[in-house]
């Protein structure tokens, strides 16, 4: 079973960034189903200053460091990890899921083609 922190850190580093580049995040871990359902754990990071401490607050909102305490099952079954991580360069990471399998999706804002851009007179920059 993958560890949330290890997996997220690897993905971020694969894209040339570090954990220091996290702007904010809202992730939710939900494990267990039916009679064996466990209470979910929210990882809400509002700024990098929230990344450093490893303590829960009164609302059980955890920091990124707390993610290292949690493994999850990313295979067959229901989705366990939900949410979004925003990076300081405008990119973002979301959770994907299909038929019980889960993964991270890394997103970049696409570049706008010059064919779609107009000059001040309203003419296409490129024809």
C-alpha atoms as a PDB file:
ATOM      1  CA  UNK A   1       0.000   0.000   0.000  1.00  0.00           C
ATOM      2  CA  UNK A   2       1.454   3.384  -0.964  1.00  0.00           C
ATOM      3  CA  UNK A   3       2.266   6.067   1.582  1.00  0.00           C
ATOM      4  CA  UNK A   4       0.534   9.376   0.810  1.00  0.00           C
ATOM      5  CA  UNK A   5       3.526  11.612   1.582  1.00  0.00           C
ATOM      6  CA  UNK A   6       6.093   9.456  -0.242  1.00  0.00           C
ATOM      7  CA  UNK A   7       3.910   9.193  -3.325  1.00  0.00           C
ATOM      8  CA  UNK A   8       3.062  12.922  -3.452  1.00  0.00           C
ATOM      9  CA  UNK A   9       6.687  13.950  -2.867  1.00  0.00           C
ATOM     10  CA  UNK A  10       7.864  11.664  -5.693  1.00  0.00           C
ATOM     11  CA  UNK A  11       5.305  13.086  -8.130  1.00  0.00           C
ATOM     12  CA  UNK A  12       6.239  16.671  -7.278  1.00  0.00           C
ATOM     13  CA  UNK A  13       9.962  15.950  -7.651  1.00  0.00           C
ATOM     14  CA  UNK A  14       9.323  14.184 -10.990  1.00  0.00           C
ATOM     15  CA  UNK A  15       8.029  17.554 -12.250  1.00  0.00           C
ATOM     16  CA  UNK A  16      11.141  19.451 -11.111  1.00  0.00           C
ATOM     17  CA  UNK A  17       9.596  20.942  -7.972  1.00  0.00           C
ATOM     18  CA  UNK A  18       9.911  20.296  -4.237  1.00  0.00           C
ATOM     19  CA  UNK A  19       7.497  20.190  -1.320  1.00  0.00           C
ATOM     20  CA  UNK A  20       8.498  23.840  -0.718  1.00  0.00           C
ATOM     21  CA  UNK A  21       6.584  24.691  -3.911  1.00  0.00           C
ATOM     22  CA  UNK A  22       3.222  23.691  -2.411  1.00  0.00           C
ATOM     23  CA  UNK A  23       1.025  26.772  -2.194  1.00  0.00           C
ATOM     24  CA  UNK A  24      -1.917  25.077  -0.479  1.00  0.00           C
ATOM     25  CA  UNK A  25      -3.762  21.775  -0.466  1.00  0.00           C
ATOM     26  CA  UNK A  26      -7.001  20.157   0.558  1.00  0.00           C
ATOM     27  CA  UNK A  27      -6.885  16.357   0.698  1.00  0.00           C
ATOM     28  CA  UNK A  28      -9.227  13.896   2.354  1.00  0.00           C
ATOM     29  CA  UNK A  29      -8.385  10.302   3.270  1.00  0.00           C
ATOM     30  CA  UNK A  30     -11.356   7.992   3.752  1.00  0.00           C
ATOM     31  CA  UNK A  31     -10.722   4.361   4.611  1.00  0.00           C
ATOM     32  CA  UNK A  32     -13.169   1.567   5.350  1.00  0.00           C
ATOM     33  CA  UNK A  33     -16.682   0.807   4.222  1.00  0.00           C
ATOM     34  CA  UNK A  34     -19.977  -0.176   5.812  1.00  0.00           C
ATOM     35  CA  UNK A  35     -19.762  -1.373   9.404  1.00  0.00           C
ATOM     36  CA  UNK A  36     -15.963  -1.043   9.366  1.00  0.00           C
ATOM     37  CA  UNK A  37     -15.931   2.570   8.206  1.00  0.00           C
ATOM     38  CA  UNK A  38     -13.198   4.676   9.759  1.00  0.00           C
ATOM     39  CA  UNK A  39     -13.334   8.387  10.401  1.00  0.00           C
ATOM     40  CA  UNK A  40     -11.757  10.306   7.542  1.00  0.00           C
ATOM     41  CA  UNK A  41      -8.682  12.469   8.022  1.00  0.00           C
ATOM     42  CA  UNK A  42      -8.538  15.902   6.400  1.00  0.00           C
ATOM     43  CA  UNK A  43      -5.182  17.309   5.321  1.00  0.00           C
ATOM     44  CA  UNK A  44      -5.736  21.025   4.804  1.00  0.00           C
ATOM     45  CA  UNK A  45      -2.676  23.111   4.106  1.00  0.00           C
ATOM     46  CA  UNK A  46      -3.326  26.812   3.723  1.00  0.00           C
ATOM     47  CA  UNK A  47       0.275  27.945   3.279  1.00  0.00           C
ATOM     48  CA  UNK A  48       3.792  26.579   3.424  1.00  0.00           C
ATOM     49  CA  UNK A  49       3.962  27.523   7.113  1.00  0.00           C
ATOM     50  CA  UNK A  50       1.364  24.806   7.701  1.00  0.00           C
ATOM     51  CA  UNK A  51       3.613  22.192   6.077  1.00  0.00           C
ATOM     52  CA  UNK A  52       6.181  22.197   8.892  1.00  0.00           C
ATOM     53  CA  UNK A  53       4.235  21.299  12.057  1.00  0.00           C
ATOM     54  CA  UNK A  54       3.098  17.726  12.519  1.00  0.00           C
ATOM     55  CA  UNK A  55       0.259  18.401  14.942  1.00  0.00           C
ATOM     56  CA  UNK A  56      -3.502  18.101  14.580  1.00  0.00           C
ATOM     57  CA  UNK A  57      -5.633  21.078  15.472  1.00  0.00           C
ATOM     58  CA  UNK A  58      -9.015  20.991  17.212  1.00  0.00           C
ATOM     59  CA  UNK A  59     -10.777  20.127  13.953  1.00  0.00           C
ATOM     60  CA  UNK A  60      -8.477  17.170  13.113  1.00  0.00           C
ATOM     61  CA  UNK A  61      -7.050  19.075  10.169  1.00  0.00           C
ATOM     62  CA  UNK A  62      -3.607  17.665   9.546  1.00  0.00           C
ATOM     63  CA  UNK A  63      -0.532  18.962   7.824  1.00  0.00           C
ATOM     64  CA  UNK A  64       1.488  17.447   5.010  1.00  0.00           C
ATOM     65  CA  UNK A  65       3.858  15.849   7.506  1.00  0.00           C
ATOM     66  CA  UNK A  66       0.907  13.898   8.916  1.00  0.00           C
ATOM     67  CA  UNK A  67       0.371  12.334   5.496  1.00  0.00           C
ATOM     68  CA  UNK A  68       3.530  10.324   6.132  1.00  0.00           C
ATOM     69  CA  UNK A  69       1.643   8.473   8.848  1.00  0.00           C
ATOM     70  CA  UNK A  70      -0.940   7.147   6.394  1.00  0.00           C
ATOM     71  CA  UNK A  71      -0.891   4.439   3.736  1.00  0.00           C
ATOM     72  CA  UNK A  72      -3.880   3.804   1.503  1.00  0.00           C
ATOM     73  CA  UNK A  73      -5.081   1.150  -0.906  1.00  0.00           C
ATOM     74  CA  UNK A  74      -4.963   2.489  -4.474  1.00  0.00           C
ATOM     75  CA  UNK A  75      -6.237  -0.639  -6.210  1.00  0.00           C
ATOM     76  CA  UNK A  76      -9.606  -2.360  -6.496  1.00  0.00           C
ATOM     77  CA  UNK A  77     -12.378  -0.960  -4.274  1.00  0.00           C
ATOM     78  CA  UNK A  78     -13.640   2.525  -3.544  1.00  0.00           C
ATOM     79  CA  UNK A  79     -11.607   5.701  -3.776  1.00  0.00           C
ATOM     80  CA  UNK A  80      -9.835   6.525  -0.517  1.00  0.00           C
ATOM     81  CA  UNK A  81      -7.888   9.717  -1.227  1.00  0.00           C
ATOM     82  CA  UNK A  82      -9.576  12.841  -2.622  1.00  0.00           C
ATOM     83  CA  UNK A  83      -8.551  16.429  -3.167  1.00  0.00           C
ATOM     84  CA  UNK A  84      -6.286  18.975  -4.801  1.00  0.00           C
ATOM     85  CA  UNK A  85      -2.765  20.304  -4.243  1.00  0.00           C
ATOM     86  CA  UNK A  86      -1.955  23.745  -5.696  1.00  0.00           C
ATOM     87  CA  UNK A  87       1.644  24.608  -6.562  1.00  0.00           C
ATOM     88  CA  UNK A  88       3.158  28.095  -6.406  1.00  0.00           C
ATOM     89  CA  UNK A  89       3.886  28.114 -10.163  1.00  0.00           C
ATOM     90  CA  UNK A  90       0.192  27.822 -11.161  1.00  0.00           C
ATOM     91  CA  UNK A  91       0.240  24.042 -11.678  1.00  0.00           C
ATOM     92  CA  UNK A  92      -1.986  21.741  -9.630  1.00  0.00           C
ATOM     93  CA  UNK A  93      -2.423  18.084  -8.733  1.00  0.00           C
ATOM     94  CA  UNK A  94      -5.727  16.242  -8.383  1.00  0.00           C
ATOM     95  CA  UNK A  95      -6.770  12.695  -7.642  1.00  0.00           C
ATOM     96  CA  UNK A  96      -8.047  10.485 -10.438  1.00  0.00           C
ATOM     97  CA  UNK A  97     -10.148   7.362  -9.990  1.00  0.00           C
ATOM     98  CA  UNK A  98     -11.729   4.738 -12.202  1.00  0.00           C
ATOM     99  CA  UNK A  99     -13.321   1.506 -11.077  1.00  0.00           C
ATOM    100  CA  UNK A 100     -11.599   1.678  -7.697  1.00  0.00           C
ATOM    101  CA  UNK A 101      -8.084   2.363  -9.011  1.00  0.00           C
ATOM    102  CA  UNK A 102      -6.625   5.718  -7.977  1.00  0.00           C
ATOM    103  CA  UNK A 103      -3.779   7.935  -9.144  1.00  0.00           C
ATOM    104  CA  UNK A 104      -2.460  11.495  -9.103  1.00  0.00           C
ATOM    105  CA  UNK A 105      -3.084  13.762 -12.130  1.00  0.00           C
ATOM    106  CA  UNK A 106      -0.593  16.607 -12.646  1.00  0.00           C
ATOM    107  CA  UNK A 107      -2.000  19.659 -14.472  1.00  0.00           C
ATOM    108  CA  UNK A 108      -0.359  22.563 -16.244  1.00  0.00           C
ATOM    109  CA  UNK A 109      -2.118  25.542 -17.765  1.00  0.00           C
ATOM    110  CA  UNK A 110      -1.838  25.047 -21.545  1.00  0.00           C
ATOM    111  CA  UNK A 111      -0.008  27.611 -23.618  1.00  0.00           C
ATOM    112  CA  UNK A 112      -2.209  29.708 -25.885  1.00  0.00           C
ATOM    113  CA  UNK A 113      -1.353  29.312 -29.568  1.00  0.00           C
ATOM    114  CA  UNK A 114      -0.405  32.480 -31.441  1.00  0.00           C
ATOM    115  CA  UNK A 115      -3.145  31.492 -33.903  1.00  0.00           C
ATOM    116  CA  UNK A 116      -5.643  32.363 -31.180  1.00  0.00           C
ATOM    117  CA  UNK A 117      -3.992  35.634 -30.140  1.00  0.00           C
ATOM    118  CA  UNK A 118      -4.923  39.011 -31.629  1.00  0.00           C
ATOM    119  CA  UNK A 119      -2.861  42.177 -31.933  1.00  0.00           C
ATOM    120  CA  UNK A 120      -4.184  45.561 -30.763  1.00  0.00           C
ATOM    121  CA  UNK A 121      -5.980  46.025 -34.098  1.00  0.00           C
ATOM    122  CA  UNK A 122      -7.789  42.702 -33.718  1.00  0.00           C
ATOM    123  CA  UNK A 123      -5.741  40.865 -36.341  1.00  0.00           C
ATOM    124  CA  UNK A 124      -4.408  37.340 -35.713  1.00  0.00           C
ATOM    125  CA  UNK A 125      -0.751  37.284 -34.645  1.00  0.00           C
ATOM    126  CA  UNK A 126      -0.182  34.269 -36.860  1.00  0.00           C
ATOM    127  CA  UNK A 127      -2.132  33.250 -39.928  1.00  0.00           C
END
